Amino acid sequence: MNKNGKVYLLLGPEAGKKSDFINDIIASQKDKNKGDPDIYRFYPYGLDTSEVVSILKNGSLFAKSKVVVLNRLEELKGKGILDPLIDYCKKPAQDAVLILLSDTVKDVPAAIKRLVPKENTVIFWEMFEGEKKGWVINFFQKAKIRIEPDAVDSLLELVENNTQVLKGECERLSQFFGAGAAITSDQIEDFLYHTKEENVFSLFSRMVLRDLPATLEILTNILLSKEKNADSLLNGILWQTERLLLLKRLIERNYSADDAFKRVGITGKRNQRIYSTGLSNYRLEELERIIRLIYETQVRLRTFGGGIQVFIIQLFFHYAISKGGRAPWMQVSY
């Protein structure tokens, strides 16, 4: 597919392949224009779509092109909210690329579907549950490790629904337990949340406590280990925060805790306790702001390199935990 189109519609739940596709578009723009494009990412909560269109149409002072990524298109609802985007898709700017993302296929507005060229509409399917289970079992068989069926279920529940992330966690488990081991469900939870090696799961477990010093300590340990960079860490925090937000919405719609956990797919007792803590400590509007703040922070991480990235992600956790997502650099008013 030509990666120099003006508007793309990327559908489906497979986040890893979507991310690769977006990175290819950004790289294509860089090659075409002999320089990095400006990159903007938006999330639907409280979004003014006319402001997004304004960014697309207005020239940049320092870059020859811009890439605008609009997440969760299916959640942009309300009278007139899509009109600026629909008008823009009819005549997109020549120096900008608009990438519209949706986790679903059927809930995308028909007007948008009609306006985006078919060759620029891509569906990214994830593996079916049975396929994922088979993939995990096969991975550990090759590593000469036996993994119990309940442990496979726990792993798929706890790890982000993303083939790249799943492979990475399986490799870490394989290295930790070694050939000849037998992995249980409890060991999966212990490893992901309570091993001496801190990770994005233990980081989230402190974040939901709103314990900033402990969160920053774990963050520092992870970054020093060089297992993950700041951007990939935020992707893991985003995935867990989105699940927490979905739980919060269900609870506020009078679902019981058990029903809400079942709908979101959180079954492990320890995992449920962590998310229950988050439900108690964060309001709905705070979670929405934090998700938007993650996207704003990722833009800045990709703009600045070196040591300043550590400072940027520390600021993110400060504003997420201490201020409920209210940060002074947010691009969209709220």
C-alpha atoms as a PDB file:
ATOM      1  CA  MET A   1       0.000   0.000   0.000  1.00  0.00           C
ATOM      2  CA  ASN A   2       1.112   3.548  -0.748  1.00  0.00           C
ATOM      3  CA  LYS A   3       2.125   5.147   2.566  1.00  0.00           C
ATOM      4  CA  ASN A   4       1.832   8.680   1.135  1.00  0.00           C
ATOM      5  CA  GLY A   5      -1.958   8.973   1.207  1.00  0.00           C
ATOM      6  CA  LYS A   6      -3.741  11.881   2.874  1.00  0.00           C
ATOM      7  CA  VAL A   7      -6.393  10.093   4.983  1.00  0.00           C
ATOM      8  CA  TYR A   8      -6.256   6.573   6.419  1.00  0.00           C
ATOM      9  CA  LEU A   9      -8.847   4.532   8.284  1.00  0.00           C
ATOM     10  CA  LEU A  10      -7.277   1.811  10.428  1.00  0.00           C
ATOM     11  CA  LEU A  11      -9.810  -0.559  11.970  1.00  0.00           C
ATOM     12  CA  GLY A  12      -9.777  -3.565  14.261  1.00  0.00           C
ATOM     13  CA  PRO A  13      -8.355  -4.579  17.637  1.00  0.00           C
ATOM     14  CA  GLU A  14      -4.750  -5.576  16.801  1.00  0.00           C
ATOM     15  CA  ALA A  15      -2.833  -2.630  18.253  1.00  0.00           C
ATOM     16  CA  GLY A  16       0.679  -3.882  17.546  1.00  0.00           C
ATOM     17  CA  LYS A  17       0.300  -4.135  13.780  1.00  0.00           C
ATOM     18  CA  LYS A  18      -1.564  -0.813  13.719  1.00  0.00           C
ATOM     19  CA  SER A  19       1.326   0.843  15.502  1.00  0.00           C
ATOM     20  CA  ASP A  20       3.785  -0.590  12.966  1.00  0.00           C
ATOM     21  CA  PHE A  21       1.637   0.715  10.114  1.00  0.00           C
ATOM     22  CA  ILE A  22       1.532   4.217  11.613  1.00  0.00           C
ATOM     23  CA  ASN A  23       5.296   4.188  12.109  1.00  0.00           C
ATOM     24  CA  ASP A  24       5.693   3.250   8.432  1.00  0.00           C
ATOM     25  CA  ILE A  25       3.549   6.241   7.425  1.00  0.00           C
ATOM     26  CA  ILE A  26       5.630   8.556   9.604  1.00  0.00           C
ATOM     27  CA  ALA A  27       8.846   7.143   8.115  1.00  0.00           C
ATOM     28  CA  SER A  28       7.446   7.590   4.606  1.00  0.00           C
ATOM     29  CA  GLN A  29       6.640  11.232   5.327  1.00  0.00           C
ATOM     30  CA  LYS A  30      10.143  11.729   6.696  1.00  0.00           C
ATOM     31  CA  ASP A  31      11.727  10.279   3.542  1.00  0.00           C
ATOM     32  CA  LYS A  32       9.420  12.187   1.221  1.00  0.00           C
ATOM     33  CA  ASN A  33       9.985  15.564   2.873  1.00  0.00           C
ATOM     34  CA  LYS A  34      13.604  15.099   4.002  1.00  0.00           C
ATOM     35  CA  GLY A  35      12.736  15.754   7.624  1.00  0.00           C
ATOM     36  CA  ASP A  36      10.615  14.640  10.570  1.00  0.00           C
ATOM     37  CA  PRO A  37       6.912  15.509  10.361  1.00  0.00           C
ATOM     38  CA  ASP A  38       5.069  17.144  13.233  1.00  0.00           C
ATOM     39  CA  ILE A  39       3.052  14.450  15.015  1.00  0.00           C
ATOM     40  CA  TYR A  40      -0.206  15.044  16.885  1.00  0.00           C
ATOM     41  CA  ARG A  41      -2.310  12.454  18.711  1.00  0.00           C
ATOM     42  CA  PHE A  42      -5.858  13.019  19.897  1.00  0.00           C
ATOM     43  CA  TYR A  43      -8.324  11.068  22.018  1.00  0.00           C
ATOM     44  CA  PRO A  44     -12.120  11.544  21.885  1.00  0.00           C
ATOM     45  CA  TYR A  45     -12.827  12.675  25.452  1.00  0.00           C
ATOM     46  CA  GLY A  46     -13.813  16.341  25.318  1.00  0.00           C
ATOM     47  CA  LEU A  47     -12.276  16.686  21.870  1.00  0.00           C
ATOM     48  CA  ASP A  48     -13.080  19.671  19.651  1.00  0.00           C
ATOM     49  CA  THR A  49     -12.794  18.209  16.141  1.00  0.00           C
ATOM     50  CA  SER A  50     -12.677  21.674  14.585  1.00  0.00           C
ATOM     51  CA  GLU A  51      -9.401  22.203  16.456  1.00  0.00           C
ATOM     52  CA  VAL A  52      -8.031  18.985  14.958  1.00  0.00           C
ATOM     53  CA  VAL A  53      -8.978  20.181  11.471  1.00  0.00           C
ATOM     54  CA  SER A  54      -7.372  23.556  12.158  1.00  0.00           C
ATOM     55  CA  ILE A  55      -4.075  21.830  12.955  1.00  0.00           C
ATOM     56  CA  LEU A  56      -4.347  19.775   9.761  1.00  0.00           C
ATOM     57  CA  LYS A  57      -4.973  22.812   7.574  1.00  0.00           C
ATOM     58  CA  ASN A  58      -2.537  25.285   9.102  1.00  0.00           C
ATOM     59  CA  GLY A  59       1.095  25.183   8.065  1.00  0.00           C
ATOM     60  CA  SER A  60       3.900  24.242  10.429  1.00  0.00           C
ATOM     61  CA  LEU A  61       6.727  26.606  11.314  1.00  0.00           C
ATOM     62  CA  PHE A  62       9.420  23.942  11.478  1.00  0.00           C
ATOM     63  CA  ALA A  63       8.235  20.850   9.563  1.00  0.00           C
ATOM     64  CA  LYS A  64       7.237  20.325   5.952  1.00  0.00           C
ATOM     65  CA  SER A  65       4.452  17.911   6.874  1.00  0.00           C
ATOM     66  CA  LYS A  66       2.352  16.732   9.785  1.00  0.00           C
ATOM     67  CA  VAL A  67       0.757  13.460  10.842  1.00  0.00           C
ATOM     68  CA  VAL A  68      -2.409  13.625  12.946  1.00  0.00           C
ATOM     69  CA  VAL A  69      -3.610  10.439  14.663  1.00  0.00           C
ATOM     70  CA  LEU A  70      -7.175  10.410  15.975  1.00  0.00           C
ATOM     71  CA  ASN A  71      -7.837   7.463  18.298  1.00  0.00           C
ATOM     72  CA  ARG A  72     -11.141   5.740  19.083  1.00  0.00           C
ATOM     73  CA  LEU A  73     -13.119   7.212  16.201  1.00  0.00           C
ATOM     74  CA  GLU A  74     -16.086   5.045  17.204  1.00  0.00           C
ATOM     75  CA  GLU A  75     -16.458   7.034  20.437  1.00  0.00           C
ATOM     76  CA  LEU A  76     -16.835  10.408  18.710  1.00  0.00           C
ATOM     77  CA  LYS A  77     -20.549  10.850  19.181  1.00  0.00           C
ATOM     78  CA  GLY A  78     -22.832  13.846  19.447  1.00  0.00           C
ATOM     79  CA  LYS A  79     -24.615  16.255  17.161  1.00  0.00           C
ATOM     80  CA  GLY A  80     -22.269  17.861  14.675  1.00  0.00           C
ATOM     81  CA  ILE A  81     -19.075  16.527  16.247  1.00  0.00           C
ATOM     82  CA  LEU A  82     -18.065  14.631  13.099  1.00  0.00           C
ATOM     83  CA  ASP A  83     -18.974  17.395  10.635  1.00  0.00           C
ATOM     84  CA  PRO A  84     -15.525  19.096  10.622  1.00  0.00           C
ATOM     85  CA  LEU A  85     -13.825  15.737   9.974  1.00  0.00           C
ATOM     86  CA  ILE A  86     -16.279  14.814   7.229  1.00  0.00           C
ATOM     87  CA  ASP A  87     -15.723  18.154   5.501  1.00  0.00           C
ATOM     88  CA  TYR A  88     -11.966  17.763   5.844  1.00  0.00           C
ATOM     89  CA  CYS A  89     -11.974  14.257   4.332  1.00  0.00           C
ATOM     90  CA  LYS A  90     -13.664  15.671   1.231  1.00  0.00           C
ATOM     91  CA  LYS A  91     -10.655  17.916   0.586  1.00  0.00           C
ATOM     92  CA  PRO A  92      -7.642  17.023   2.757  1.00  0.00           C
ATOM     93  CA  ALA A  93      -4.582  19.249   3.029  1.00  0.00           C
ATOM     94  CA  GLN A  94      -1.630  18.356   0.818  1.00  0.00           C
ATOM     95  CA  ASP A  95       1.002  18.639   3.553  1.00  0.00           C
ATOM     96  CA  ALA A  96      -0.830  16.589   6.194  1.00  0.00           C
ATOM     97  CA  VAL A  97      -1.799  12.976   6.860  1.00  0.00           C
ATOM     98  CA  LEU A  98      -4.873  12.171   8.951  1.00  0.00           C
ATOM     99  CA  ILE A  99      -4.990   8.683  10.476  1.00  0.00           C
ATOM    100  CA  LEU A 100      -8.339   7.657  11.959  1.00  0.00           C
ATOM    101  CA  LEU A 101      -8.264   4.688  14.344  1.00  0.00           C
ATOM    102  CA  SER A 102     -11.077   2.482  15.588  1.00  0.00           C
ATOM    103  CA  ASP A 103     -10.907  -0.701  17.637  1.00  0.00           C
ATOM    104  CA  THR A 104     -14.117  -1.847  15.964  1.00  0.00           C
ATOM    105  CA  VAL A 105     -15.170  -2.298  12.349  1.00  0.00           C
ATOM    106  CA  LYS A 106     -18.942  -1.958  12.458  1.00  0.00           C
ATOM    107  CA  ASP A 107     -19.261   1.212  14.584  1.00  0.00           C
ATOM    108  CA  VAL A 108     -17.333   3.525  12.256  1.00  0.00           C
ATOM    109  CA  PRO A 109     -19.471   6.395  10.886  1.00  0.00           C
ATOM    110  CA  ALA A 110     -20.693   5.555   7.387  1.00  0.00           C
ATOM    111  CA  ALA A 111     -19.874   9.032   6.062  1.00  0.00           C
ATOM    112  CA  ILE A 112     -16.223   8.608   7.036  1.00  0.00           C
ATOM    113  CA  LYS A 113     -16.050   5.134   5.484  1.00  0.00           C
ATOM    114  CA  ARG A 114     -17.377   6.457   2.182  1.00  0.00           C
ATOM    115  CA  LEU A 115     -14.862   9.303   2.016  1.00  0.00           C
ATOM    116  CA  VAL A 116     -11.688   7.373   2.853  1.00  0.00           C
ATOM    117  CA  PRO A 117     -10.272   5.606  -0.240  1.00  0.00           C
ATOM    118  CA  LYS A 118     -10.688   1.834  -0.066  1.00  0.00           C
ATOM    119  CA  GLU A 119      -6.970   1.343  -0.574  1.00  0.00           C
ATOM    120  CA  ASN A 120      -6.365   3.434   2.568  1.00  0.00           C
ATOM    121  CA  THR A 121      -8.802   1.468   4.736  1.00  0.00           C
ATOM    122  CA  VAL A 122      -7.110  -1.407   6.558  1.00  0.00           C
ATOM    123  CA  ILE A 123      -8.534  -3.879   9.077  1.00  0.00           C
ATOM    124  CA  PHE A 124      -6.136  -5.301  11.660  1.00  0.00           C
ATOM    125  CA  TRP A 125      -7.579  -8.493  13.120  1.00  0.00           C
ATOM    126  CA  GLU A 126      -6.175 -10.018  16.275  1.00  0.00           C
ATOM    127  CA  MET A 127      -5.788 -13.731  16.725  1.00  0.00           C
ATOM    128  CA  PHE A 128      -8.881 -15.597  17.897  1.00  0.00           C
ATOM    129  CA  GLU A 129      -8.852 -16.760  21.518  1.00  0.00           C
ATOM    130  CA  GLY A 130      -8.166 -20.334  20.464  1.00  0.00           C
ATOM    131  CA  GLU A 131      -5.340 -19.204  18.192  1.00  0.00           C
ATOM    132  CA  LYS A 132      -3.750 -17.145  20.970  1.00  0.00           C
ATOM    133  CA  LYS A 133      -3.919 -20.061  23.395  1.00  0.00           C
ATOM    134  CA  GLY A 134      -2.406 -22.364  20.800  1.00  0.00           C
ATOM    135  CA  TRP A 135       0.341 -19.844  20.055  1.00  0.00           C
ATOM    136  CA  VAL A 136       1.264 -19.552  23.762  1.00  0.00           C
ATOM    137  CA  ILE A 137       1.261 -23.317  24.328  1.00  0.00           C
ATOM    138  CA  ASN A 138       3.394 -23.863  21.222  1.00  0.00           C
ATOM    139  CA  PHE A 139       5.843 -21.151  22.327  1.00  0.00           C
ATOM    140  CA  PHE A 140       6.478 -22.841  25.672  1.00  0.00           C
ATOM    141  CA  GLN A 141       6.606 -26.316  24.154  1.00  0.00           C
ATOM    142  CA  LYS A 142       9.478 -25.138  21.960  1.00  0.00           C
ATOM    143  CA  ALA A 143      11.154 -23.753  25.089  1.00  0.00           C
ATOM    144  CA  LYS A 144      10.647 -27.155  26.802  1.00  0.00           C
ATOM    145  CA  ILE A 145       8.407 -25.562  29.451  1.00  0.00           C
ATOM    146  CA  ARG A 146       5.016 -26.923  30.512  1.00  0.00           C
ATOM    147  CA  ILE A 147       2.351 -24.279  31.106  1.00  0.00           C
ATOM    148  CA  GLU A 148      -0.962 -25.212  32.732  1.00  0.00           C
ATOM    149  CA  PRO A 149      -4.209 -24.293  30.910  1.00  0.00           C
ATOM    150  CA  ASP A 150      -5.224 -21.895  33.717  1.00  0.00           C
ATOM    151  CA  ALA A 151      -1.832 -20.233  33.435  1.00  0.00           C
ATOM    152  CA  VAL A 152      -2.386 -19.649  29.714  1.00  0.00           C
ATOM    153  CA  ASP A 153      -5.732 -18.011  30.510  1.00  0.00           C
ATOM    154  CA  SER A 154      -4.130 -15.826  33.187  1.00  0.00           C
ATOM    155  CA  LEU A 155      -1.358 -14.734  30.836  1.00  0.00           C
ATOM    156  CA  LEU A 156      -3.801 -13.765  28.084  1.00  0.00           C
ATOM    157  CA  GLU A 157      -5.942 -11.883  30.600  1.00  0.00           C
ATOM    158  CA  LEU A 158      -3.071  -9.899  32.080  1.00  0.00           C
ATOM    159  CA  VAL A 159      -1.063  -9.078  28.971  1.00  0.00           C
ATOM    160  CA  GLU A 160      -2.077  -6.385  26.514  1.00  0.00           C
ATOM    161  CA  ASN A 161      -3.988  -7.691  23.485  1.00  0.00           C
ATOM    162  CA  ASN A 162      -1.068  -7.115  21.163  1.00  0.00           C
ATOM    163  CA  THR A 163       1.019  -9.801  19.478  1.00  0.00           C
ATOM    164  CA  GLN A 164       4.293  -7.945  20.045  1.00  0.00           C
ATOM    165  CA  VAL A 165       3.648  -7.497  23.762  1.00  0.00           C
ATOM    166  CA  LEU A 166       2.470 -11.103  24.178  1.00  0.00           C
ATOM    167  CA  LYS A 167       5.622 -12.428  22.526  1.00  0.00           C
ATOM    168  CA  GLY A 168       7.796 -10.203  24.714  1.00  0.00           C
ATOM    169  CA  GLU A 169       6.178 -11.408  27.948  1.00  0.00           C
ATOM    170  CA  CYS A 170       6.425 -15.046  26.865  1.00  0.00           C
ATOM    171  CA  GLU A 171      10.138 -14.564  26.217  1.00  0.00           C
ATOM    172  CA  ARG A 172      10.604 -13.010  29.667  1.00  0.00           C
ATOM    173  CA  LEU A 173       8.737 -15.902  31.314  1.00  0.00           C
ATOM    174  CA  SER A 174      10.815 -18.418  29.382  1.00  0.00           C
ATOM    175  CA  GLN A 175      14.071 -16.796  30.471  1.00  0.00           C
ATOM    176  CA  PHE A 176      12.922 -16.561  34.088  1.00  0.00           C
ATOM    177  CA  PHE A 177      11.655 -20.139  34.562  1.00  0.00           C
ATOM    178  CA  GLY A 178      13.931 -21.999  32.146  1.00  0.00           C
ATOM    179  CA  ALA A 179      13.640 -25.361  30.396  1.00  0.00           C
ATOM    180  CA  GLY A 180      11.947 -28.131  32.356  1.00  0.00           C
ATOM    181  CA  ALA A 181       9.766 -25.809  34.436  1.00  0.00           C
ATOM    182  CA  ALA A 182       6.004 -26.103  34.909  1.00  0.00           C
ATOM    183  CA  ILE A 183       4.218 -22.750  35.085  1.00  0.00           C
ATOM    184  CA  THR A 184       0.994 -22.307  37.088  1.00  0.00           C
ATOM    185  CA  SER A 185      -1.580 -19.525  37.082  1.00  0.00           C
ATOM    186  CA  ASP A 186      -0.380 -18.201  40.450  1.00  0.00           C
ATOM    187  CA  GLN A 187       3.175 -18.069  39.149  1.00  0.00           C
ATOM    188  CA  ILE A 188       2.027 -15.987  36.171  1.00  0.00           C
ATOM    189  CA  GLU A 189       0.464 -13.385  38.480  1.00  0.00           C
ATOM    190  CA  ASP A 190       3.452 -13.466  40.835  1.00  0.00           C
ATOM    191  CA  PHE A 191       5.829 -12.952  37.943  1.00  0.00           C
ATOM    192  CA  LEU A 192       3.939 -10.098  36.297  1.00  0.00           C
ATOM    193  CA  TYR A 193       3.184  -8.202  39.507  1.00  0.00           C
ATOM    194  CA  HIS A 194       5.647  -9.287  42.166  1.00  0.00           C
ATOM    195  CA  THR A 195       8.979 -10.380  40.721  1.00  0.00           C
ATOM    196  CA  LYS A 196      12.077  -8.488  41.815  1.00  0.00           C
ATOM    197  CA  GLU A 197      12.286  -7.235  38.237  1.00  0.00           C
ATOM    198  CA  GLU A 198       9.820  -4.343  38.109  1.00  0.00           C
ATOM    199  CA  ASN A 199       7.598  -4.042  35.040  1.00  0.00           C
ATOM    200  CA  VAL A 200       4.631  -2.146  33.647  1.00  0.00           C
ATOM    201  CA  PHE A 201       2.219  -4.243  35.746  1.00  0.00           C
ATOM    202  CA  SER A 202       3.882  -3.489  39.080  1.00  0.00           C
ATOM    203  CA  LEU A 203       4.125   0.143  37.934  1.00  0.00           C
ATOM    204  CA  PHE A 204       0.362   0.278  37.357  1.00  0.00           C
ATOM    205  CA  SER A 205      -0.325  -1.397  40.709  1.00  0.00           C
ATOM    206  CA  ARG A 206       1.417   1.535  42.436  1.00  0.00           C
ATOM    207  CA  MET A 207      -0.183   4.105  40.168  1.00  0.00           C
ATOM    208  CA  VAL A 208      -3.697   3.005  41.184  1.00  0.00           C
ATOM    209  CA  LEU A 209      -2.687   3.485  44.835  1.00  0.00           C
ATOM    210  CA  ARG A 210      -1.863   7.109  43.949  1.00  0.00           C
ATOM    211  CA  ASP A 211       1.497   6.527  45.620  1.00  0.00           C
ATOM    212  CA  LEU A 212       3.740   8.878  43.638  1.00  0.00           C
ATOM    213  CA  PRO A 213       7.086   8.153  45.405  1.00  0.00           C
ATOM    214  CA  ALA A 214       6.683   4.372  44.989  1.00  0.00           C
ATOM    215  CA  THR A 215       5.567   4.799  41.381  1.00  0.00           C
ATOM    216  CA  LEU A 216       8.586   6.946  40.531  1.00  0.00           C
ATOM    217  CA  GLU A 217      10.920   4.466  42.242  1.00  0.00           C
ATOM    218  CA  ILE A 218       9.571   1.592  40.134  1.00  0.00           C
ATOM    219  CA  LEU A 219       9.688   3.772  37.019  1.00  0.00           C
ATOM    220  CA  THR A 220      13.362   4.529  37.639  1.00  0.00           C
ATOM    221  CA  ASN A 221      14.188   0.839  38.117  1.00  0.00           C
ATOM    222  CA  ILE A 222      12.452  -0.102  34.864  1.00  0.00           C
ATOM    223  CA  LEU A 223      14.158   2.619  32.846  1.00  0.00           C
ATOM    224  CA  LEU A 224      17.558   1.761  34.329  1.00  0.00           C
ATOM    225  CA  SER A 225      17.081  -1.894  33.378  1.00  0.00           C
ATOM    226  CA  LYS A 226      16.588  -0.784  29.742  1.00  0.00           C
ATOM    227  CA  GLU A 227      13.937  -3.501  29.354  1.00  0.00           C
ATOM    228  CA  LYS A 228      11.448  -0.903  28.120  1.00  0.00           C
ATOM    229  CA  ASN A 229      11.697   2.651  26.883  1.00  0.00           C
ATOM    230  CA  ALA A 230       9.404   5.416  28.103  1.00  0.00           C
ATOM    231  CA  ASP A 231       7.079   5.203  25.095  1.00  0.00           C
ATOM    232  CA  SER A 232       6.454   1.457  25.346  1.00  0.00           C
ATOM    233  CA  LEU A 233       5.925   1.831  29.101  1.00  0.00           C
ATOM    234  CA  LEU A 234       3.178   4.351  28.461  1.00  0.00           C
ATOM    235  CA  ASN A 235       1.540   1.976  25.980  1.00  0.00           C
ATOM    236  CA  GLY A 236       1.281  -0.593  28.769  1.00  0.00           C
ATOM    237  CA  ILE A 237      -0.102   1.981  31.203  1.00  0.00           C
ATOM    238  CA  LEU A 238      -2.593   3.103  28.545  1.00  0.00           C
ATOM    239  CA  TRP A 239      -3.907  -0.426  28.043  1.00  0.00           C
ATOM    240  CA  GLN A 240      -4.429  -0.979  31.769  1.00  0.00           C
ATOM    241  CA  THR A 241      -5.964   2.473  32.294  1.00  0.00           C
ATOM    242  CA  GLU A 242      -8.412   1.880  29.441  1.00  0.00           C
ATOM    243  CA  ARG A 243      -9.537  -1.340  31.132  1.00  0.00           C
ATOM    244  CA  LEU A 244      -9.947   0.545  34.406  1.00  0.00           C
ATOM    245  CA  LEU A 245     -11.995   3.219  32.637  1.00  0.00           C
ATOM    246  CA  LEU A 246     -14.254   0.588  31.083  1.00  0.00           C
ATOM    247  CA  LEU A 247     -14.782  -0.954  34.531  1.00  0.00           C
ATOM    248  CA  LYS A 248     -15.576   2.469  35.986  1.00  0.00           C
ATOM    249  CA  ARG A 249     -18.189   3.124  33.320  1.00  0.00           C
ATOM    250  CA  LEU A 250     -19.850  -0.230  33.934  1.00  0.00           C
ATOM    251  CA  ILE A 251     -19.938   0.324  37.699  1.00  0.00           C
ATOM    252  CA  GLU A 252     -21.482   3.775  37.208  1.00  0.00           C
ATOM    253  CA  ARG A 253     -24.132   2.127  35.012  1.00  0.00           C
ATOM    254  CA  ASN A 254     -25.034   0.012  38.070  1.00  0.00           C
ATOM    255  CA  TYR A 255     -23.326  -3.207  37.034  1.00  0.00           C
ATOM    256  CA  SER A 256     -22.174  -5.283  39.963  1.00  0.00           C
ATOM    257  CA  ALA A 257     -18.428  -5.590  40.448  1.00  0.00           C
ATOM    258  CA  ASP A 258     -18.546  -9.271  39.474  1.00  0.00           C
ATOM    259  CA  ASP A 259     -20.448  -8.539  36.261  1.00  0.00           C
ATOM    260  CA  ALA A 260     -18.132  -5.659  35.385  1.00  0.00           C
ATOM    261  CA  PHE A 261     -15.011  -7.777  35.890  1.00  0.00           C
ATOM    262  CA  LYS A 262     -16.528 -10.554  33.795  1.00  0.00           C
ATOM    263  CA  ARG A 263     -17.375  -8.176  30.939  1.00  0.00           C
ATOM    264  CA  VAL A 264     -13.890  -6.665  30.882  1.00  0.00           C
ATOM    265  CA  GLY A 265     -12.240 -10.085  31.242  1.00  0.00           C
ATOM    266  CA  ILE A 266     -10.530  -9.616  34.603  1.00  0.00           C
ATOM    267  CA  THR A 267     -10.822 -12.895  36.510  1.00  0.00           C
ATOM    268  CA  GLY A 268      -7.755 -13.326  38.730  1.00  0.00           C
ATOM    269  CA  LYS A 269      -8.439 -12.325  42.347  1.00  0.00           C
ATOM    270  CA  ARG A 270      -5.164 -10.462  42.727  1.00  0.00           C
ATOM    271  CA  ASN A 271      -5.740  -8.622  39.467  1.00  0.00           C
ATOM    272  CA  GLN A 272      -9.288  -7.763  40.557  1.00  0.00           C
ATOM    273  CA  ARG A 273      -7.962  -6.294  43.808  1.00  0.00           C
ATOM    274  CA  ILE A 274      -5.606  -4.017  41.887  1.00  0.00           C
ATOM    275  CA  TYR A 275      -8.374  -2.757  39.616  1.00  0.00           C
ATOM    276  CA  SER A 276     -10.751  -2.379  42.579  1.00  0.00           C
ATOM    277  CA  THR A 277      -8.182  -0.082  44.167  1.00  0.00           C
ATOM    278  CA  GLY A 278      -8.137   1.975  40.987  1.00  0.00           C
ATOM    279  CA  LEU A 279     -11.942   2.168  40.982  1.00  0.00           C
ATOM    280  CA  SER A 280     -11.854   3.550  44.519  1.00  0.00           C
ATOM    281  CA  ASN A 281      -9.033   6.022  43.972  1.00  0.00           C
ATOM    282  CA  TYR A 282      -9.859   7.562  40.582  1.00  0.00           C
ATOM    283  CA  ARG A 283     -12.976   9.331  39.339  1.00  0.00           C
ATOM    284  CA  LEU A 284     -14.319   8.696  35.837  1.00  0.00           C
ATOM    285  CA  GLU A 285     -13.298  12.128  34.541  1.00  0.00           C
ATOM    286  CA  GLU A 286      -9.798  11.659  35.974  1.00  0.00           C
ATOM    287  CA  LEU A 287      -9.318   8.420  34.054  1.00  0.00           C
ATOM    288  CA  GLU A 288     -10.503  10.088  30.848  1.00  0.00           C
ATOM    289  CA  ARG A 289      -8.031  12.929  31.356  1.00  0.00           C
ATOM    290  CA  ILE A 290      -5.193  10.526  32.146  1.00  0.00           C
ATOM    291  CA  ILE A 291      -5.774   8.638  28.902  1.00  0.00           C
ATOM    292  CA  ARG A 292      -5.640  11.876  26.939  1.00  0.00           C
ATOM    293  CA  LEU A 293      -2.556  12.883  28.904  1.00  0.00           C
ATOM    294  CA  ILE A 294      -0.821   9.660  27.873  1.00  0.00           C
ATOM    295  CA  TYR A 295      -1.247  10.528  24.207  1.00  0.00           C
ATOM    296  CA  GLU A 296      -0.053  14.084  24.782  1.00  0.00           C
ATOM    297  CA  THR A 297       2.982  12.758  26.658  1.00  0.00           C
ATOM    298  CA  GLN A 298       3.842  10.278  23.913  1.00  0.00           C
ATOM    299  CA  VAL A 299       3.983  13.120  21.399  1.00  0.00           C
ATOM    300  CA  ARG A 300       6.519  14.899  23.583  1.00  0.00           C
ATOM    301  CA  LEU A 301       8.557  11.757  24.131  1.00  0.00           C
ATOM    302  CA  ARG A 302       8.875  11.368  20.364  1.00  0.00           C
ATOM    303  CA  THR A 303       9.802  15.020  19.973  1.00  0.00           C
ATOM    304  CA  PHE A 304      12.591  15.071  22.550  1.00  0.00           C
ATOM    305  CA  GLY A 305      15.366  12.537  22.953  1.00  0.00           C
ATOM    306  CA  GLY A 306      17.918  11.701  25.592  1.00  0.00           C
ATOM    307  CA  GLY A 307      17.624  12.425  29.287  1.00  0.00           C
ATOM    308  CA  ILE A 308      14.710  14.813  28.944  1.00  0.00           C
ATOM    309  CA  GLN A 309      12.457  11.814  28.199  1.00  0.00           C
ATOM    310  CA  VAL A 310      12.908  10.644  31.785  1.00  0.00           C
ATOM    311  CA  PHE A 311      11.815  14.051  33.045  1.00  0.00           C
ATOM    312  CA  ILE A 312       8.774  14.044  30.707  1.00  0.00           C
ATOM    313  CA  ILE A 313       7.506  10.646  31.869  1.00  0.00           C
ATOM    314  CA  GLN A 314       8.113  11.593  35.515  1.00  0.00           C
ATOM    315  CA  LEU A 315       5.959  14.662  34.915  1.00  0.00           C
ATOM    316  CA  PHE A 316       3.271  12.436  33.421  1.00  0.00           C
ATOM    317  CA  PHE A 317       3.023  10.324  36.569  1.00  0.00           C
ATOM    318  CA  HIS A 318       3.067  13.440  38.742  1.00  0.00           C
ATOM    319  CA  TYR A 319       0.095  14.966  36.922  1.00  0.00           C
ATOM    320  CA  ALA A 320      -1.725  11.634  36.562  1.00  0.00           C
ATOM    321  CA  ILE A 321      -1.426  10.677  40.229  1.00  0.00           C
ATOM    322  CA  SER A 322      -1.380  14.034  42.021  1.00  0.00           C
ATOM    323  CA  LYS A 323      -3.584  16.068  39.682  1.00  0.00           C
ATOM    324  CA  GLY A 324      -5.922  13.471  38.193  1.00  0.00           C
ATOM    325  CA  GLY A 325      -4.592  14.057  34.690  1.00  0.00           C
ATOM    326  CA  ARG A 326      -4.635  17.868  34.761  1.00  0.00           C
ATOM    327  CA  ALA A 327      -1.401  18.988  33.110  1.00  0.00           C
ATOM    328  CA  PRO A 328      -0.518  22.470  31.822  1.00  0.00           C
ATOM    329  CA  TRP A 329       0.743  21.263  28.438  1.00  0.00           C
ATOM    330  CA  MET A 330      -2.467  19.542  27.289  1.00  0.00           C
ATOM    331  CA  GLN A 331      -3.103  20.523  23.670  1.00  0.00           C
ATOM    332  CA  VAL A 332      -6.872  20.227  23.877  1.00  0.00           C
ATOM    333  CA  SER A 333      -8.794  22.301  26.399  1.00  0.00           C
ATOM    334  CA  TYR A 334     -10.819  20.513  29.069  1.00  0.00           C
END
